[in-house]
Amino acid sequence: DAQLEQAHQFIVEHACQGITVDEVLRLLPFSLPTFHKRFAAKYGRTPGAEIRRLRTEQARYYLQTTTLTITRVGQLCGYDQHSKFANFFKRETGLTPSEYRRLTHGSKASRLRRSRG
């Protein structure tokens, strides 16, 4: 339904700006339980899980492909405090941002260099 698609698009566009499910819900004529149920039926996860998934995806991208500080990556993903970002990232991935970066930063480029050498 169009309202759910609008809510999903809002989440995609604003997930890394620190939005909450309540903010998304304000755009819709649904109760919270109805929103959760309908969103999960359509997208396979709750609105909160979708926000977390998108933030995690963006954080992984920055950690893997840039040299931005972890604090800055957290800010770009909607976290104003380094510790909140680090706790979020570890809960979602099982790794701290530093561990993730160490394991993946530039990994595609290094694999290419090794395969050519």
PDB file of N, CA and C in Angstrom:
ATOM      1  N   ASP A   1       0.828  -1.205   0.000  1.00  0.00           N
ATOM      2  CA  ASP A   1       0.000   0.000   0.000  1.00  0.00           C
ATOM      3  C   ASP A   1       0.855   1.245   0.000  1.00  0.00           C
ATOM      4  N   ALA A   2       0.339   2.280  -0.575  1.00  0.00           N
ATOM      5  CA  ALA A   2       1.102   3.512  -0.810  1.00  0.00           C
ATOM      6  C   ALA A   2       1.612   4.152   0.482  1.00  0.00           C
ATOM      7  N   GLN A   3       0.823   4.074   1.541  1.00  0.00           N
ATOM      8  CA  GLN A   3       1.251   4.682   2.802  1.00  0.00           C
ATOM      9  C   GLN A   3       2.469   3.963   3.381  1.00  0.00           C
ATOM     10  N   LEU A   4       2.483   2.644   3.291  1.00  0.00           N
ATOM     11  CA  LEU A   4       3.644   1.889   3.768  1.00  0.00           C
ATOM     12  C   LEU A   4       4.869   2.170   2.909  1.00  0.00           C
ATOM     13  N   GLU A   5       4.672   2.269   1.608  1.00  0.00           N
ATOM     14  CA  GLU A   5       5.789   2.587   0.717  1.00  0.00           C
ATOM     15  C   GLU A   5       6.340   3.976   1.029  1.00  0.00           C
ATOM     16  N   GLN A   6       5.461   4.923   1.324  1.00  0.00           N
ATOM     17  CA  GLN A   6       5.893   6.270   1.703  1.00  0.00           C
ATOM     18  C   GLN A   6       6.687   6.223   3.011  1.00  0.00           C
ATOM     19  N   ALA A   7       6.217   5.455   3.972  1.00  0.00           N
ATOM     20  CA  ALA A   7       6.918   5.313   5.253  1.00  0.00           C
ATOM     21  C   ALA A   7       8.293   4.671   5.036  1.00  0.00           C
ATOM     22  N   HIS A   8       8.335   3.637   4.200  1.00  0.00           N
ATOM     23  CA  HIS A   8       9.609   2.972   3.923  1.00  0.00           C
ATOM     24  C   HIS A   8      10.582   3.930   3.248  1.00  0.00           C
ATOM     25  N   GLN A   9      10.108   4.683   2.289  1.00  0.00           N
ATOM     26  CA  GLN A   9      10.975   5.645   1.598  1.00  0.00           C
ATOM     27  C   GLN A   9      11.502   6.695   2.571  1.00  0.00           C
ATOM     28  N   PHE A  10      10.661   7.148   3.489  1.00  0.00           N
ATOM     29  CA  PHE A  10      11.084   8.101   4.514  1.00  0.00           C
ATOM     30  C   PHE A  10      12.197   7.485   5.367  1.00  0.00           C
ATOM     31  N   ILE A  11      12.038   6.226   5.737  1.00  0.00           N
ATOM     32  CA  ILE A  11      13.056   5.539   6.532  1.00  0.00           C
ATOM     33  C   ILE A  11      14.372   5.455   5.749  1.00  0.00           C
ATOM     34  N   VAL A  12      14.292   5.071   4.486  1.00  0.00           N
ATOM     35  CA  VAL A  12      15.496   4.964   3.652  1.00  0.00           C
ATOM     36  C   VAL A  12      16.217   6.305   3.575  1.00  0.00           C
ATOM     37  N   GLU A  13      15.463   7.370   3.387  1.00  0.00           N
ATOM     38  CA  GLU A  13      16.065   8.698   3.218  1.00  0.00           C
ATOM     39  C   GLU A  13      16.572   9.304   4.518  1.00  0.00           C
ATOM     40  N   HIS A  14      16.013   8.891   5.664  1.00  0.00           N
ATOM     41  CA  HIS A  14      16.334   9.575   6.924  1.00  0.00           C
ATOM     42  C   HIS A  14      16.897   8.678   8.027  1.00  0.00           C
ATOM     43  N   ALA A  15      17.126   7.410   7.761  1.00  0.00           N
ATOM     44  CA  ALA A  15      17.585   6.484   8.811  1.00  0.00           C
ATOM     45  C   ALA A  15      18.838   6.989   9.515  1.00  0.00           C
ATOM     46  N   CYS A  16      19.749   7.559   8.765  1.00  0.00           N
ATOM     47  CA  CYS A  16      21.015   8.008   9.354  1.00  0.00           C
ATOM     48  C   CYS A  16      20.939   9.422   9.926  1.00  0.00           C
ATOM     49  N   GLN A  17      19.739   9.925  10.063  1.00  0.00           N
ATOM     50  CA  GLN A  17      19.553  11.234  10.690  1.00  0.00           C
ATOM     51  C   GLN A  17      18.970  11.082  12.087  1.00  0.00           C
ATOM     52  N   GLY A  18      19.038   9.882  12.625  1.00  0.00           N
ATOM     53  CA  GLY A  18      18.592   9.648  13.986  1.00  0.00           C
ATOM     54  C   GLY A  18      17.086   9.563  14.160  1.00  0.00           C
ATOM     55  N   ILE A  19      16.361   9.219  13.101  1.00  0.00           N
ATOM     56  CA  ILE A  19      14.901   9.144  13.216  1.00  0.00           C
ATOM     57  C   ILE A  19      14.481   7.984  14.112  1.00  0.00           C
ATOM     58  N   THR A  20      13.275   8.087  14.618  1.00  0.00           N
ATOM     59  CA  THR A  20      12.695   7.020  15.438  1.00  0.00           C
ATOM     60  C   THR A  20      11.439   6.498  14.750  1.00  0.00           C
ATOM     61  N   VAL A  21      10.981   5.355  15.204  1.00  0.00           N
ATOM     62  CA  VAL A  21       9.748   4.783  14.665  1.00  0.00           C
ATOM     63  C   VAL A  21       8.584   5.735  14.934  1.00  0.00           C
ATOM     64  N   ASP A  22       8.573   6.384  16.089  1.00  0.00           N
ATOM     65  CA  ASP A  22       7.501   7.335  16.401  1.00  0.00           C
ATOM     66  C   ASP A  22       7.436   8.474  15.389  1.00  0.00           C
ATOM     67  N   GLU A  23       8.592   8.931  14.923  1.00  0.00           N
ATOM     68  CA  GLU A  23       8.603   9.994  13.917  1.00  0.00           C
ATOM     69  C   GLU A  23       8.002   9.508  12.601  1.00  0.00           C
ATOM     70  N   VAL A  24       8.296   8.287  12.231  1.00  0.00           N
ATOM     71  CA  VAL A  24       7.728   7.716  11.007  1.00  0.00           C
ATOM     72  C   VAL A  24       6.223   7.536  11.190  1.00  0.00           C
ATOM     73  N   LEU A  25       5.836   7.068  12.350  1.00  0.00           N
ATOM     74  CA  LEU A  25       4.422   6.813  12.635  1.00  0.00           C
ATOM     75  C   LEU A  25       3.581   8.085  12.520  1.00  0.00           C
ATOM     76  N   ARG A  26       4.164   9.235  12.830  1.00  0.00           N
ATOM     77  CA  ARG A  26       3.429  10.507  12.727  1.00  0.00           C
ATOM     78  C   ARG A  26       2.973  10.803  11.302  1.00  0.00           C
ATOM     79  N   LEU A  27       3.600  10.165  10.324  1.00  0.00           N
ATOM     80  CA  LEU A  27       3.221  10.370   8.920  1.00  0.00           C
ATOM     81  C   LEU A  27       2.016   9.531   8.519  1.00  0.00           C
ATOM     82  N   LEU A  28       1.605   8.621   9.403  1.00  0.00           N
ATOM     83  CA  LEU A  28       0.621   7.619   9.030  1.00  0.00           C
ATOM     84  C   LEU A  28      -0.619   7.636   9.912  1.00  0.00           C
ATOM     85  N   PRO A  29      -1.726   7.163   9.380  1.00  0.00           N
ATOM     86  CA  PRO A  29      -2.953   7.095  10.171  1.00  0.00           C
ATOM     87  C   PRO A  29      -3.114   5.756  10.896  1.00  0.00           C
ATOM     88  N   PHE A  30      -1.996   5.134  11.306  1.00  0.00           N
ATOM     89  CA  PHE A  30      -2.046   3.825  11.943  1.00  0.00           C
ATOM     90  C   PHE A  30      -1.682   3.938  13.414  1.00  0.00           C
ATOM     91  N   SER A  31      -2.109   2.949  14.184  1.00  0.00           N
ATOM     92  CA  SER A  31      -1.603   2.797  15.544  1.00  0.00           C
ATOM     93  C   SER A  31      -0.235   2.128  15.433  1.00  0.00           C
ATOM     94  N   LEU A  32       0.551   2.182  16.488  1.00  0.00           N
ATOM     95  CA  LEU A  32       1.868   1.560  16.474  1.00  0.00           C
ATOM     96  C   LEU A  32       1.794   0.058  16.203  1.00  0.00           C
ATOM     97  N   PRO A  33       0.920  -0.697  16.893  1.00  0.00           N
ATOM     98  CA  PRO A  33       0.850  -2.135  16.597  1.00  0.00           C
ATOM     99  C   PRO A  33       0.464  -2.439  15.139  1.00  0.00           C
ATOM    100  N   THR A  34      -0.462  -1.661  14.601  1.00  0.00           N
ATOM    101  CA  THR A  34      -0.876  -1.865  13.206  1.00  0.00           C
ATOM    102  C   THR A  34       0.275  -1.562  12.257  1.00  0.00           C
ATOM    103  N   PHE A  35       0.991  -0.474  12.522  1.00  0.00           N
ATOM    104  CA  PHE A  35       2.139  -0.106  11.689  1.00  0.00           C
ATOM    105  C   PHE A  35       3.191  -1.219  11.709  1.00  0.00           C
ATOM    106  N   HIS A  36       3.532  -1.692  12.898  1.00  0.00           N
ATOM    107  CA  HIS A  36       4.520  -2.772  13.011  1.00  0.00           C
ATOM    108  C   HIS A  36       4.079  -3.995  12.229  1.00  0.00           C
ATOM    109  N   LYS A  37       2.846  -4.386  12.417  1.00  0.00           N
ATOM    110  CA  LYS A  37       2.333  -5.604  11.773  1.00  0.00           C
ATOM    111  C   LYS A  37       2.323  -5.463  10.253  1.00  0.00           C
ATOM    112  N   ARG A  38       1.797  -4.357   9.752  1.00  0.00           N
ATOM    113  CA  ARG A  38       1.706  -4.162   8.306  1.00  0.00           C
ATOM    114  C   ARG A  38       3.085  -3.997   7.666  1.00  0.00           C
ATOM    115  N   PHE A  39       3.962  -3.234   8.331  1.00  0.00           N
ATOM    116  CA  PHE A  39       5.312  -3.013   7.804  1.00  0.00           C
ATOM    117  C   PHE A  39       6.072  -4.342   7.747  1.00  0.00           C
ATOM    118  N   ALA A  40       6.006  -5.114   8.831  1.00  0.00           N
ATOM    119  CA  ALA A  40       6.706  -6.398   8.881  1.00  0.00           C
ATOM    120  C   ALA A  40       6.161  -7.374   7.836  1.00  0.00           C
ATOM    121  N   ALA A  41       4.850  -7.348   7.620  1.00  0.00           N
ATOM    122  CA  ALA A  41       4.265  -8.229   6.608  1.00  0.00           C
ATOM    123  C   ALA A  41       4.766  -7.868   5.211  1.00  0.00           C
ATOM    124  N   LYS A  42       4.917  -6.586   4.947  1.00  0.00           N
ATOM    125  CA  LYS A  42       5.341  -6.133   3.617  1.00  0.00           C
ATOM    126  C   LYS A  42       6.851  -6.232   3.401  1.00  0.00           C
ATOM    127  N   TYR A  43       7.650  -5.866   4.428  1.00  0.00           N
ATOM    128  CA  TYR A  43       9.101  -5.764   4.247  1.00  0.00           C
ATOM    129  C   TYR A  43       9.914  -6.837   4.976  1.00  0.00           C
ATOM    130  N   GLY A  44       9.252  -7.678   5.744  1.00  0.00           N
ATOM    131  CA  GLY A  44       9.964  -8.774   6.395  1.00  0.00           C
ATOM    132  C   GLY A  44      10.719  -8.399   7.655  1.00  0.00           C
ATOM    133  N   ARG A  45      10.543  -7.180   8.116  1.00  0.00           N
ATOM    134  CA  ARG A  45      11.159  -6.731   9.371  1.00  0.00           C
ATOM    135  C   ARG A  45      10.366  -5.555   9.904  1.00  0.00           C
ATOM    136  N   THR A  46      10.518  -5.273  11.174  1.00  0.00           N
ATOM    137  CA  THR A  46       9.804  -4.143  11.772  1.00  0.00           C
ATOM    138  C   THR A  46      10.427  -2.833  11.301  1.00  0.00           C
ATOM    139  N   PRO A  47       9.719  -1.719  11.475  1.00  0.00           N
ATOM    140  CA  PRO A  47      10.301  -0.424  11.097  1.00  0.00           C
ATOM    141  C   PRO A  47      11.607  -0.147  11.849  1.00  0.00           C
ATOM    142  N   GLY A  48      11.651  -0.476  13.140  1.00  0.00           N
ATOM    143  CA  GLY A  48      12.877  -0.265  13.911  1.00  0.00           C
ATOM    144  C   GLY A  48      14.036  -1.099  13.386  1.00  0.00           C
ATOM    145  N   ALA A  49      13.752  -2.330  13.023  1.00  0.00           N
ATOM    146  CA  ALA A  49      14.791  -3.200  12.460  1.00  0.00           C
ATOM    147  C   ALA A  49      15.280  -2.661  11.121  1.00  0.00           C
ATOM    148  N   GLU A  50      14.395  -2.082  10.342  1.00  0.00           N
ATOM    149  CA  GLU A  50      14.791  -1.503   9.056  1.00  0.00           C
ATOM    150  C   GLU A  50      15.688  -0.296   9.270  1.00  0.00           C
ATOM    151  N   ILE A  51      15.360   0.548  10.229  1.00  0.00           N
ATOM    152  CA  ILE A  51      16.212   1.700  10.543  1.00  0.00           C
ATOM    153  C   ILE A  51      17.597   1.210  10.963  1.00  0.00           C
ATOM    154  N   ARG A  52      17.648   0.225  11.846  1.00  0.00           N
ATOM    155  CA  ARG A  52      18.938  -0.314  12.300  1.00  0.00           C
ATOM    156  C   ARG A  52      19.718  -0.949  11.154  1.00  0.00           C
ATOM    157  N   ARG A  53      19.024  -1.667  10.280  1.00  0.00           N
ATOM    158  CA  ARG A  53      19.690  -2.308   9.138  1.00  0.00           C
ATOM    159  C   ARG A  53      20.342  -1.265   8.229  1.00  0.00           C
ATOM    160  N   LEU A  54      19.610  -0.204   7.948  1.00  0.00           N
ATOM    161  CA  LEU A  54      20.146   0.837   7.071  1.00  0.00           C
ATOM    162  C   LEU A  54      21.314   1.580   7.710  1.00  0.00           C
ATOM    163  N   ARG A  55      21.220   1.854   9.003  1.00  0.00           N
ATOM    164  CA  ARG A  55      22.331   2.504   9.705  1.00  0.00           C
ATOM    165  C   ARG A  55      23.566   1.611   9.701  1.00  0.00           C
ATOM    166  N   THR A  56      23.357   0.334   9.958  1.00  0.00           N
ATOM    167  CA  THR A  56      24.477  -0.608   9.978  1.00  0.00           C
ATOM    168  C   THR A  56      25.120  -0.710   8.604  1.00  0.00           C
ATOM    169  N   GLU A  57      24.298  -0.792   7.570  1.00  0.00           N
ATOM    170  CA  GLU A  57      24.794  -0.874   6.197  1.00  0.00           C
ATOM    171  C   GLU A  57      25.647   0.351   5.862  1.00  0.00           C
ATOM    172  N   GLN A  58      25.172   1.532   6.235  1.00  0.00           N
ATOM    173  CA  GLN A  58      25.905   2.766   5.957  1.00  0.00           C
ATOM    174  C   GLN A  58      27.210   2.797   6.755  1.00  0.00           C
ATOM    175  N   ALA A  59      27.152   2.411   8.014  1.00  0.00           N
ATOM    176  CA  ALA A  59      28.360   2.391   8.846  1.00  0.00           C
ATOM    177  C   ALA A  59      29.395   1.435   8.265  1.00  0.00           C
ATOM    178  N   ARG A  60      28.963   0.262   7.865  1.00  0.00           N
ATOM    179  CA  ARG A  60      29.887  -0.707   7.261  1.00  0.00           C
ATOM    180  C   ARG A  60      30.554  -0.109   6.028  1.00  0.00           C
ATOM    181  N   TYR A  61      29.773   0.545   5.203  1.00  0.00           N
ATOM    182  CA  TYR A  61      30.323   1.165   3.988  1.00  0.00           C
ATOM    183  C   TYR A  61      31.414   2.177   4.355  1.00  0.00           C
ATOM    184  N   TYR A  62      31.112   3.094   5.274  1.00  0.00           N
ATOM    185  CA  TYR A  62      32.094   4.109   5.662  1.00  0.00           C
ATOM    186  C   TYR A  62      33.339   3.484   6.283  1.00  0.00           C
ATOM    187  N   LEU A  63      33.153   2.499   7.148  1.00  0.00           N
ATOM    188  CA  LEU A  63      34.300   1.883   7.812  1.00  0.00           C
ATOM    189  C   LEU A  63      35.180   1.122   6.826  1.00  0.00           C
ATOM    190  N   GLN A  64      34.563   0.533   5.828  1.00  0.00           N
ATOM    191  CA  GLN A  64      35.310  -0.263   4.862  1.00  0.00           C
ATOM    192  C   GLN A  64      35.975   0.580   3.786  1.00  0.00           C
ATOM    193  N   THR A  65      35.377   1.714   3.428  1.00  0.00           N
ATOM    194  CA  THR A  65      35.854   2.433   2.243  1.00  0.00           C
ATOM    195  C   THR A  65      36.453   3.802   2.508  1.00  0.00           C
ATOM    196  N   THR A  66      36.413   4.281   3.755  1.00  0.00           N
ATOM    197  CA  THR A  66      36.950   5.608   4.039  1.00  0.00           C
ATOM    198  C   THR A  66      37.935   5.545   5.196  1.00  0.00           C
ATOM    199  N   THR A  67      38.604   6.659   5.427  1.00  0.00           N
ATOM    200  CA  THR A  67      39.483   6.788   6.586  1.00  0.00           C
ATOM    201  C   THR A  67      38.882   7.757   7.601  1.00  0.00           C
ATOM    202  N   LEU A  68      37.591   8.005   7.502  1.00  0.00           N
ATOM    203  CA  LEU A  68      36.922   8.860   8.484  1.00  0.00           C
ATOM    204  C   LEU A  68      37.101   8.268   9.879  1.00  0.00           C
ATOM    205  N   THR A  69      37.166   9.126  10.889  1.00  0.00           N
ATOM    206  CA  THR A  69      37.260   8.607  12.249  1.00  0.00           C
ATOM    207  C   THR A  69      35.984   7.845  12.589  1.00  0.00           C
ATOM    208  N   ILE A  70      36.099   6.961  13.541  1.00  0.00           N
ATOM    209  CA  ILE A  70      34.929   6.191  13.960  1.00  0.00           C
ATOM    210  C   ILE A  70      33.883   7.122  14.552  1.00  0.00           C
ATOM    211  N   THR A  71      34.315   8.147  15.258  1.00  0.00           N
ATOM    212  CA  THR A  71      33.378   9.137  15.797  1.00  0.00           C
ATOM    213  C   THR A  71      32.604   9.791  14.656  1.00  0.00           C
ATOM    214  N   ARG A  72      33.296  10.154  13.577  1.00  0.00           N
ATOM    215  CA  ARG A  72      32.641  10.806  12.435  1.00  0.00           C
ATOM    216  C   ARG A  72      31.687   9.835  11.732  1.00  0.00           C
ATOM    217  N   VAL A  73      32.091   8.595  11.596  1.00  0.00           N
ATOM    218  CA  VAL A  73      31.203   7.593  10.997  1.00  0.00           C
ATOM    219  C   VAL A  73      29.926   7.500  11.826  1.00  0.00           C
ATOM    220  N   GLY A  74      30.074   7.447  13.137  1.00  0.00           N
ATOM    221  CA  GLY A  74      28.910   7.411  14.019  1.00  0.00           C
ATOM    222  C   GLY A  74      28.002   8.603  13.808  1.00  0.00           C
ATOM    223  N   GLN A  75      28.590   9.781  13.693  1.00  0.00           N
ATOM    224  CA  GLN A  75      27.795  10.992  13.458  1.00  0.00           C
ATOM    225  C   GLN A  75      27.040  10.903  12.143  1.00  0.00           C
ATOM    226  N   LEU A  76      27.696  10.409  11.112  1.00  0.00           N
ATOM    227  CA  LEU A  76      27.051  10.279   9.799  1.00  0.00           C
ATOM    228  C   LEU A  76      25.943   9.234   9.795  1.00  0.00           C
ATOM    229  N   CYS A  77      25.958   8.364  10.802  1.00  0.00           N
ATOM    230  CA  CYS A  77      24.941   7.318  10.901  1.00  0.00           C
ATOM    231  C   CYS A  77      23.901   7.637  11.972  1.00  0.00           C
ATOM    232  N   GLY A  78      23.907   8.877  12.477  1.00  0.00           N
ATOM    233  CA  GLY A  78      22.863   9.316  13.390  1.00  0.00           C
ATOM    234  C   GLY A  78      23.182   9.227  14.863  1.00  0.00           C
ATOM    235  N   TYR A  79      24.447   9.039  15.223  1.00  0.00           N
ATOM    236  CA  TYR A  79      24.825   8.924  16.633  1.00  0.00           C
ATOM    237  C   TYR A  79      25.686  10.103  17.036  1.00  0.00           C
ATOM    238  N   ASP A  80      25.264  10.811  18.082  1.00  0.00           N
ATOM    239  CA  ASP A  80      26.010  11.986  18.522  1.00  0.00           C
ATOM    240  C   ASP A  80      27.114  11.645  19.518  1.00  0.00           C
ATOM    241  N   GLN A  81      27.129  10.419  20.012  1.00  0.00           N
ATOM    242  CA  GLN A  81      28.167   9.996  20.951  1.00  0.00           C
ATOM    243  C   GLN A  81      28.856   8.735  20.439  1.00  0.00           C
ATOM    244  N   HIS A  82      30.178   8.759  20.514  1.00  0.00           N
ATOM    245  CA  HIS A  82      30.984   7.630  20.047  1.00  0.00           C
ATOM    246  C   HIS A  82      30.552   6.328  20.729  1.00  0.00           C
ATOM    247  N   SER A  83      30.343   6.376  22.049  1.00  0.00           N
ATOM    248  CA  SER A  83      30.009   5.155  22.790  1.00  0.00           C
ATOM    249  C   SER A  83      28.665   4.572  22.350  1.00  0.00           C
ATOM    250  N   LYS A  84      27.691   5.426  22.065  1.00  0.00           N
ATOM    251  CA  LYS A  84      26.392   4.925  21.594  1.00  0.00           C
ATOM    252  C   LYS A  84      26.545   4.234  20.243  1.00  0.00           C
ATOM    253  N   PHE A  85      27.330   4.838  19.362  1.00  0.00           N
ATOM    254  CA  PHE A  85      27.560   4.228  18.058  1.00  0.00           C
ATOM    255  C   PHE A  85      28.298   2.895  18.207  1.00  0.00           C
ATOM    256  N   ALA A  86      29.356   2.888  19.015  1.00  0.00           N
ATOM    257  CA  ALA A  86      30.143   1.670  19.192  1.00  0.00           C
ATOM    258  C   ALA A  86      29.288   0.541  19.769  1.00  0.00           C
ATOM    259  N   ASN A  87      28.449   0.863  20.750  1.00  0.00           N
ATOM    260  CA  ASN A  87      27.565  -0.148  21.340  1.00  0.00           C
ATOM    261  C   ASN A  87      26.550  -0.654  20.324  1.00  0.00           C
ATOM    262  N   PHE A  88      25.960   0.266  19.567  1.00  0.00           N
ATOM    263  CA  PHE A  88      25.007  -0.107  18.522  1.00  0.00           C
ATOM    264  C   PHE A  88      25.669  -1.037  17.496  1.00  0.00           C
ATOM    265  N   PHE A  89      26.834  -0.636  16.994  1.00  0.00           N
ATOM    266  CA  PHE A  89      27.497  -1.395  15.943  1.00  0.00           C
ATOM    267  C   PHE A  89      27.869  -2.791  16.437  1.00  0.00           C
ATOM    268  N   LYS A  90      28.389  -2.884  17.649  1.00  0.00           N
ATOM    269  CA  LYS A  90      28.768  -4.194  18.198  1.00  0.00           C
ATOM    270  C   LYS A  90      27.536  -5.079  18.380  1.00  0.00           C
ATOM    271  N   ARG A  91      26.439  -4.484  18.852  1.00  0.00           N
ATOM    272  CA  ARG A  91      25.208  -5.260  19.034  1.00  0.00           C
ATOM    273  C   ARG A  91      24.693  -5.780  17.688  1.00  0.00           C
ATOM    274  N   GLU A  92      24.807  -4.982  16.646  1.00  0.00           N
ATOM    275  CA  GLU A  92      24.277  -5.368  15.335  1.00  0.00           C
ATOM    276  C   GLU A  92      25.195  -6.322  14.573  1.00  0.00           C
ATOM    277  N   THR A  93      26.517  -6.189  14.755  1.00  0.00           N
ATOM    278  CA  THR A  93      27.446  -6.959  13.922  1.00  0.00           C
ATOM    279  C   THR A  93      28.286  -7.974  14.691  1.00  0.00           C
ATOM    280  N   GLY A  94      28.361  -7.809  16.002  1.00  0.00           N
ATOM    281  CA  GLY A  94      29.223  -8.679  16.791  1.00  0.00           C
ATOM    282  C   GLY A  94      30.662  -8.200  16.860  1.00  0.00           C
ATOM    283  N   LEU A  95      30.966  -7.096  16.172  1.00  0.00           N
ATOM    284  CA  LEU A  95      32.310  -6.528  16.153  1.00  0.00           C
ATOM    285  C   LEU A  95      32.249  -5.062  16.545  1.00  0.00           C
ATOM    286  N   THR A  96      33.318  -4.559  17.141  1.00  0.00           N
ATOM    287  CA  THR A  96      33.388  -3.123  17.367  1.00  0.00           C
ATOM    288  C   THR A  96      33.672  -2.460  16.020  1.00  0.00           C
ATOM    289  N   PRO A  97      33.404  -1.169  15.888  1.00  0.00           N
ATOM    290  CA  PRO A  97      33.741  -0.499  14.630  1.00  0.00           C
ATOM    291  C   PRO A  97      35.222  -0.637  14.272  1.00  0.00           C
ATOM    292  N   SER A  98      36.101  -0.563  15.269  1.00  0.00           N
ATOM    293  CA  SER A  98      37.549  -0.703  15.013  1.00  0.00           C
ATOM    294  C   SER A  98      37.880  -2.095  14.492  1.00  0.00           C
ATOM    295  N   GLU A  99      37.302  -3.114  15.112  1.00  0.00           N
ATOM    296  CA  GLU A  99      37.540  -4.485  14.655  1.00  0.00           C
ATOM    297  C   GLU A  99      37.037  -4.671  13.230  1.00  0.00           C
ATOM    298  N   TYR A 100      35.851  -4.156  12.950  1.00  0.00           N
ATOM    299  CA  TYR A 100      35.279  -4.285  11.605  1.00  0.00           C
ATOM    300  C   TYR A 100      36.185  -3.612  10.578  1.00  0.00           C
ATOM    301  N   ARG A 101      36.634  -2.399  10.904  1.00  0.00           N
ATOM    302  CA  ARG A 101      37.506  -1.673   9.973  1.00  0.00           C
ATOM    303  C   ARG A 101      38.793  -2.447   9.744  1.00  0.00           C
ATOM    304  N   ARG A 102      39.392  -2.937  10.804  1.00  0.00           N
ATOM    305  CA  ARG A 102      40.662  -3.666  10.688  1.00  0.00           C
ATOM    306  C   ARG A 102      40.490  -4.896   9.789  1.00  0.00           C
ATOM    307  N   LEU A 103      39.352  -5.566   9.909  1.00  0.00           N
ATOM    308  CA  LEU A 103      39.116  -6.781   9.116  1.00  0.00           C
ATOM    309  C   LEU A 103      38.727  -6.499   7.669  1.00  0.00           C
ATOM    310  N   THR A 104      38.128  -5.348   7.413  1.00  0.00           N
ATOM    311  CA  THR A 104      37.550  -5.131   6.078  1.00  0.00           C
ATOM    312  C   THR A 104      38.073  -3.927   5.318  1.00  0.00           C
ATOM    313  N   HIS A 105      38.712  -2.977   5.969  1.00  0.00           N
ATOM    314  CA  HIS A 105      39.073  -1.730   5.283  1.00  0.00           C
ATOM    315  C   HIS A 105      39.975  -2.020   4.093  1.00  0.00           C
ATOM    316  N   GLY A 106      39.527  -1.585   2.938  1.00  0.00           N
ATOM    317  CA  GLY A 106      40.308  -1.772   1.728  1.00  0.00           C
ATOM    318  C   GLY A 106      40.447  -3.220   1.303  1.00  0.00           C
ATOM    319  N   SER A 107      39.602  -4.099   1.854  1.00  0.00           N
ATOM    320  CA  SER A 107      39.775  -5.528   1.582  1.00  0.00           C
ATOM    321  C   SER A 107      39.640  -5.866   0.100  1.00  0.00           C
ATOM    322  N   LYS A 108      38.769  -5.192  -0.601  1.00  0.00           N
ATOM    323  CA  LYS A 108      38.606  -5.466  -2.029  1.00  0.00           C
ATOM    324  C   LYS A 108      39.880  -5.082  -2.781  1.00  0.00           C
ATOM    325  N   ALA A 109      40.435  -3.914  -2.451  1.00  0.00           N
ATOM    326  CA  ALA A 109      41.664  -3.459  -3.109  1.00  0.00           C
ATOM    327  C   ALA A 109      42.823  -4.390  -2.788  1.00  0.00           C
ATOM    328  N   SER A 110      42.930  -4.845  -1.521  1.00  0.00           N
ATOM    329  CA  SER A 110      44.044  -5.733  -1.177  1.00  0.00           C
ATOM    330  C   SER A 110      43.931  -7.066  -1.896  1.00  0.00           C
ATOM    331  N   ARG A 111      42.697  -7.571  -2.021  1.00  0.00           N
ATOM    332  CA  ARG A 111      42.521  -8.842  -2.737  1.00  0.00           C
ATOM    333  C   ARG A 111      42.946  -8.683  -4.206  1.00  0.00           C
ATOM    334  N   LEU A 112      42.613  -7.538  -4.803  1.00  0.00           N
ATOM    335  CA  LEU A 112      42.999  -7.315  -6.200  1.00  0.00           C
ATOM    336  C   LEU A 112      44.518  -7.250  -6.331  1.00  0.00           C
ATOM    337  N   ARG A 113      45.181  -6.548  -5.411  1.00  0.00           N
ATOM    338  CA  ARG A 113      46.645  -6.443  -5.463  1.00  0.00           C
ATOM    339  C   ARG A 113      47.281  -7.821  -5.311  1.00  0.00           C
ATOM    340  N   ARG A 114      46.766  -8.623  -4.377  1.00  0.00           N
ATOM    341  CA  ARG A 114      47.329  -9.961  -4.160  1.00  0.00           C
ATOM    342  C   ARG A 114      47.141 -10.847  -5.388  1.00  0.00           C
ATOM    343  N   SER A 115      45.983 -10.729  -6.034  1.00  0.00           N
ATOM    344  CA  SER A 115      45.712 -11.608  -7.176  1.00  0.00           C
ATOM    345  C   SER A 115      46.575 -11.230  -8.390  1.00  0.00           C
ATOM    346  N   ARG A 116      46.963  -9.957  -8.476  1.00  0.00           N
ATOM    347  CA  ARG A 116      47.802  -9.524  -9.598  1.00  0.00           C
ATOM    348  C   ARG A 116      49.278  -9.801  -9.341  1.00  0.00           C
ATOM    349  N   GLY A 117      49.679  -9.844  -8.061  1.00  0.00           N
ATOM    350  CA  GLY A 117      51.091  -9.949  -7.701  1.00  0.00           C
ATOM    351  C   GLY A 117      51.594 -11.297  -7.897  1.00  0.00           C
TER     352      GLY A 117
END
